[in-house]
Amino acid sequence: MTLWFFEYALGLAQEIATRIGQYTREYLDNITPPFTKALFNYVQEGKYTFCTPGHMGGSGLPEKPGRLPVL
């Protein structure tokens, strides 16, 4: 990952920003442990029910007897 300062020019701002973003993603990918990557991917896919009723916005609560609907 090398960015040369003499390459900076006003006309290349978008390309430079794209390269900085790419290098940042590569760096984070290299330093993030495998378990953390898997956990981030799991949450990003929306699979965060935690296996308990009431999570996911309380969608399971109104179905239980004696419980009030979640507003």
N, C-alpha and C. Protein backbone atom coordinates (compact mmCIF):
# COMPACT_ATOMS: atom_id res chain seq x y z
N MET A 1 0.85 -1.17 0.00
CA MET A 1 0.00 0.00 0.00
C MET A 1 0.90 1.23 0.00
N THR A 2 0.99 1.87 -1.12
CA THR A 2 1.80 3.07 -1.22
C THR A 2 1.04 4.12 -2.00
N LEU A 3 0.87 5.26 -1.40
CA LEU A 3 0.28 6.40 -2.08
C LEU A 3 1.37 7.45 -2.22
N TRP A 4 1.66 7.82 -3.42
CA TRP A 4 2.71 8.80 -3.67
C TRP A 4 2.09 10.19 -3.70
N PHE A 5 2.62 11.08 -2.89
CA PHE A 5 2.05 12.42 -2.78
C PHE A 5 2.23 13.24 -4.05
N PHE A 6 3.25 12.95 -4.85
CA PHE A 6 3.44 13.73 -6.07
C PHE A 6 2.39 13.39 -7.13
N GLU A 7 1.62 12.30 -6.92
CA GLU A 7 0.56 11.93 -7.86
C GLU A 7 -0.73 12.71 -7.60
N TYR A 8 -0.82 13.36 -6.46
CA TYR A 8 -2.05 14.06 -6.12
C TYR A 8 -2.26 15.25 -7.05
N ALA A 9 -3.42 15.31 -7.60
CA ALA A 9 -3.81 16.43 -8.45
C ALA A 9 -5.31 16.61 -8.30
N LEU A 10 -5.77 17.80 -8.52
CA LEU A 10 -7.20 18.07 -8.34
C LEU A 10 -8.06 17.22 -9.26
N GLY A 11 -7.60 16.89 -10.43
CA GLY A 11 -8.38 16.10 -11.37
C GLY A 11 -8.47 14.63 -11.01
N LEU A 12 -7.67 14.17 -10.08
CA LEU A 12 -7.64 12.76 -9.71
C LEU A 12 -8.28 12.50 -8.35
N ALA A 13 -9.04 13.42 -7.85
CA ALA A 13 -9.59 13.29 -6.49
C ALA A 13 -10.44 12.04 -6.33
N GLN A 14 -11.30 11.73 -7.29
CA GLN A 14 -12.17 10.56 -7.17
C GLN A 14 -11.36 9.26 -7.20
N GLU A 15 -10.38 9.19 -8.07
CA GLU A 15 -9.54 8.00 -8.15
C GLU A 15 -8.74 7.81 -6.87
N ILE A 16 -8.22 8.89 -6.34
CA ILE A 16 -7.45 8.82 -5.09
C ILE A 16 -8.35 8.38 -3.95
N ALA A 17 -9.55 8.91 -3.87
CA ALA A 17 -10.49 8.52 -2.82
C ALA A 17 -10.85 7.04 -2.94
N THR A 18 -11.01 6.55 -4.16
CA THR A 18 -11.31 5.14 -4.38
C THR A 18 -10.16 4.26 -3.92
N ARG A 19 -8.93 4.66 -4.24
CA ARG A 19 -7.76 3.88 -3.82
C ARG A 19 -7.60 3.89 -2.30
N ILE A 20 -7.83 5.02 -1.68
CA ILE A 20 -7.73 5.09 -0.22
C ILE A 20 -8.76 4.17 0.42
N GLY A 21 -9.99 4.18 -0.10
CA GLY A 21 -11.02 3.28 0.40
C GLY A 21 -10.64 1.82 0.21
N GLN A 22 -10.08 1.48 -0.94
CA GLN A 22 -9.67 0.11 -1.22
C GLN A 22 -8.56 -0.32 -0.26
N TYR A 23 -7.56 0.53 -0.08
CA TYR A 23 -6.46 0.20 0.82
C TYR A 23 -6.93 0.08 2.26
N THR A 24 -7.88 0.91 2.65
CA THR A 24 -8.42 0.84 4.01
C THR A 24 -9.14 -0.48 4.22
N ARG A 25 -9.97 -0.88 3.25
CA ARG A 25 -10.69 -2.16 3.36
C ARG A 25 -9.71 -3.33 3.41
N GLU A 26 -8.66 -3.30 2.59
CA GLU A 26 -7.66 -4.36 2.60
C GLU A 26 -6.95 -4.42 3.95
N TYR A 27 -6.60 -3.27 4.50
CA TYR A 27 -5.92 -3.22 5.79
C TYR A 27 -6.80 -3.80 6.89
N LEU A 28 -8.06 -3.38 6.92
CA LEU A 28 -8.97 -3.89 7.94
C LEU A 28 -9.20 -5.38 7.77
N ASP A 29 -9.26 -5.85 6.53
CA ASP A 29 -9.44 -7.27 6.27
C ASP A 29 -8.24 -8.07 6.77
N ASN A 30 -7.05 -7.49 6.66
CA ASN A 30 -5.83 -8.19 7.09
C ASN A 30 -5.67 -8.22 8.60
N ILE A 31 -6.17 -7.22 9.32
CA ILE A 31 -5.94 -7.19 10.77
C ILE A 31 -7.11 -7.75 11.57
N THR A 32 -8.27 -7.95 10.94
CA THR A 32 -9.44 -8.44 11.66
C THR A 32 -9.36 -9.95 11.83
N PRO A 33 -9.50 -10.46 13.06
CA PRO A 33 -9.46 -11.91 13.29
C PRO A 33 -10.62 -12.62 12.58
N PRO A 34 -10.44 -13.89 12.22
CA PRO A 34 -11.48 -14.63 11.50
C PRO A 34 -12.82 -14.68 12.23
N PHE A 35 -12.80 -14.88 13.54
CA PHE A 35 -14.07 -14.94 14.28
C PHE A 35 -14.81 -13.61 14.20
N THR A 36 -14.08 -12.51 14.32
CA THR A 36 -14.70 -11.19 14.24
C THR A 36 -15.29 -10.95 12.85
N LYS A 37 -14.58 -11.36 11.80
CA LYS A 37 -15.11 -11.24 10.44
C LYS A 37 -16.41 -12.02 10.30
N ALA A 38 -16.41 -13.26 10.82
CA ALA A 38 -17.62 -14.08 10.73
C ALA A 38 -18.76 -13.45 11.51
N LEU A 39 -18.48 -12.89 12.67
CA LEU A 39 -19.51 -12.24 13.47
C LEU A 39 -20.06 -11.01 12.76
N PHE A 40 -19.20 -10.20 12.17
CA PHE A 40 -19.66 -9.03 11.42
C PHE A 40 -20.53 -9.44 10.24
N ASN A 41 -20.12 -10.49 9.51
CA ASN A 41 -20.92 -10.96 8.38
C ASN A 41 -22.27 -11.49 8.84
N TYR A 42 -22.29 -12.20 9.97
CA TYR A 42 -23.52 -12.76 10.52
C TYR A 42 -24.52 -11.64 10.84
N VAL A 43 -24.03 -10.61 11.50
CA VAL A 43 -24.90 -9.49 11.87
C VAL A 43 -25.33 -8.71 10.63
N GLN A 44 -24.43 -8.53 9.68
CA GLN A 44 -24.76 -7.78 8.46
C GLN A 44 -25.85 -8.49 7.65
N GLU A 45 -25.92 -9.81 7.73
CA GLU A 45 -26.95 -10.57 7.03
C GLU A 45 -28.29 -10.51 7.76
N GLY A 46 -28.34 -9.92 8.94
CA GLY A 46 -29.59 -9.76 9.67
C GLY A 46 -29.98 -10.98 10.48
N LYS A 47 -29.05 -11.83 10.84
CA LYS A 47 -29.33 -13.05 11.60
C LYS A 47 -29.04 -12.84 13.08
N TYR A 48 -29.64 -11.85 13.67
CA TYR A 48 -29.32 -11.56 15.07
C TYR A 48 -30.52 -11.76 15.97
N THR A 49 -31.14 -12.93 15.92
CA THR A 49 -32.30 -13.22 16.76
C THR A 49 -31.91 -13.58 18.19
N PHE A 50 -30.68 -14.01 18.41
CA PHE A 50 -30.17 -14.41 19.72
C PHE A 50 -30.95 -15.57 20.32
N CYS A 51 -31.76 -16.25 19.52
CA CYS A 51 -32.49 -17.46 19.93
C CYS A 51 -33.37 -17.23 21.16
N THR A 52 -33.90 -16.06 21.33
CA THR A 52 -34.80 -15.80 22.45
C THR A 52 -36.02 -15.06 21.94
N PRO A 53 -37.19 -15.36 22.50
CA PRO A 53 -38.38 -14.64 22.07
C PRO A 53 -38.30 -13.17 22.47
N GLY A 54 -38.86 -12.34 21.67
CA GLY A 54 -38.88 -10.92 21.97
C GLY A 54 -37.84 -10.13 21.22
N HIS A 55 -36.84 -10.80 20.72
CA HIS A 55 -35.85 -10.09 19.92
C HIS A 55 -36.41 -9.90 18.53
N MET A 56 -35.68 -9.25 17.68
CA MET A 56 -36.13 -8.91 16.33
C MET A 56 -37.34 -7.99 16.40
N GLY A 57 -37.28 -7.01 17.26
CA GLY A 57 -38.35 -6.03 17.36
C GLY A 57 -39.54 -6.51 18.16
N GLY A 58 -39.40 -7.60 18.90
CA GLY A 58 -40.50 -8.10 19.71
C GLY A 58 -41.58 -8.81 18.92
N SER A 59 -41.24 -9.33 17.74
CA SER A 59 -42.26 -9.94 16.89
C SER A 59 -42.87 -11.19 17.51
N GLY A 60 -42.19 -11.86 18.44
CA GLY A 60 -42.74 -13.07 19.05
C GLY A 60 -43.60 -12.80 20.27
N LEU A 61 -43.58 -11.60 20.80
CA LEU A 61 -44.31 -11.32 22.03
C LEU A 61 -45.82 -11.36 21.89
N PRO A 62 -46.44 -10.79 20.86
CA PRO A 62 -47.91 -10.78 20.82
C PRO A 62 -48.51 -12.18 20.72
N GLU A 63 -47.76 -13.17 20.30
CA GLU A 63 -48.29 -14.52 20.15
C GLU A 63 -48.36 -15.26 21.49
N LYS A 64 -47.73 -14.77 22.51
CA LYS A 64 -47.72 -15.44 23.80
C LYS A 64 -48.95 -15.03 24.61
N PRO A 65 -49.58 -15.97 25.31
CA PRO A 65 -50.76 -15.62 26.11
C PRO A 65 -50.40 -14.67 27.25
N GLY A 66 -51.26 -13.71 27.50
CA GLY A 66 -51.07 -12.78 28.60
C GLY A 66 -50.11 -11.64 28.29
N ARG A 67 -49.68 -11.51 27.08
CA ARG A 67 -48.75 -10.43 26.73
C ARG A 67 -49.47 -9.40 25.87
N LEU A 68 -49.08 -8.16 26.04
CA LEU A 68 -49.64 -7.08 25.24
C LEU A 68 -48.87 -6.96 23.94
N PRO A 69 -49.54 -6.56 22.88
CA PRO A 69 -48.83 -6.36 21.61
C PRO A 69 -47.79 -5.25 21.74
N VAL A 70 -46.69 -5.42 21.06
CA VAL A 70 -45.62 -4.42 21.05
C VAL A 70 -45.98 -3.37 20.03
N LEU A 71 -45.92 -2.11 20.44
CA LEU A 71 -46.28 -1.02 19.52
C LEU A 71 -45.11 -0.56 18.73
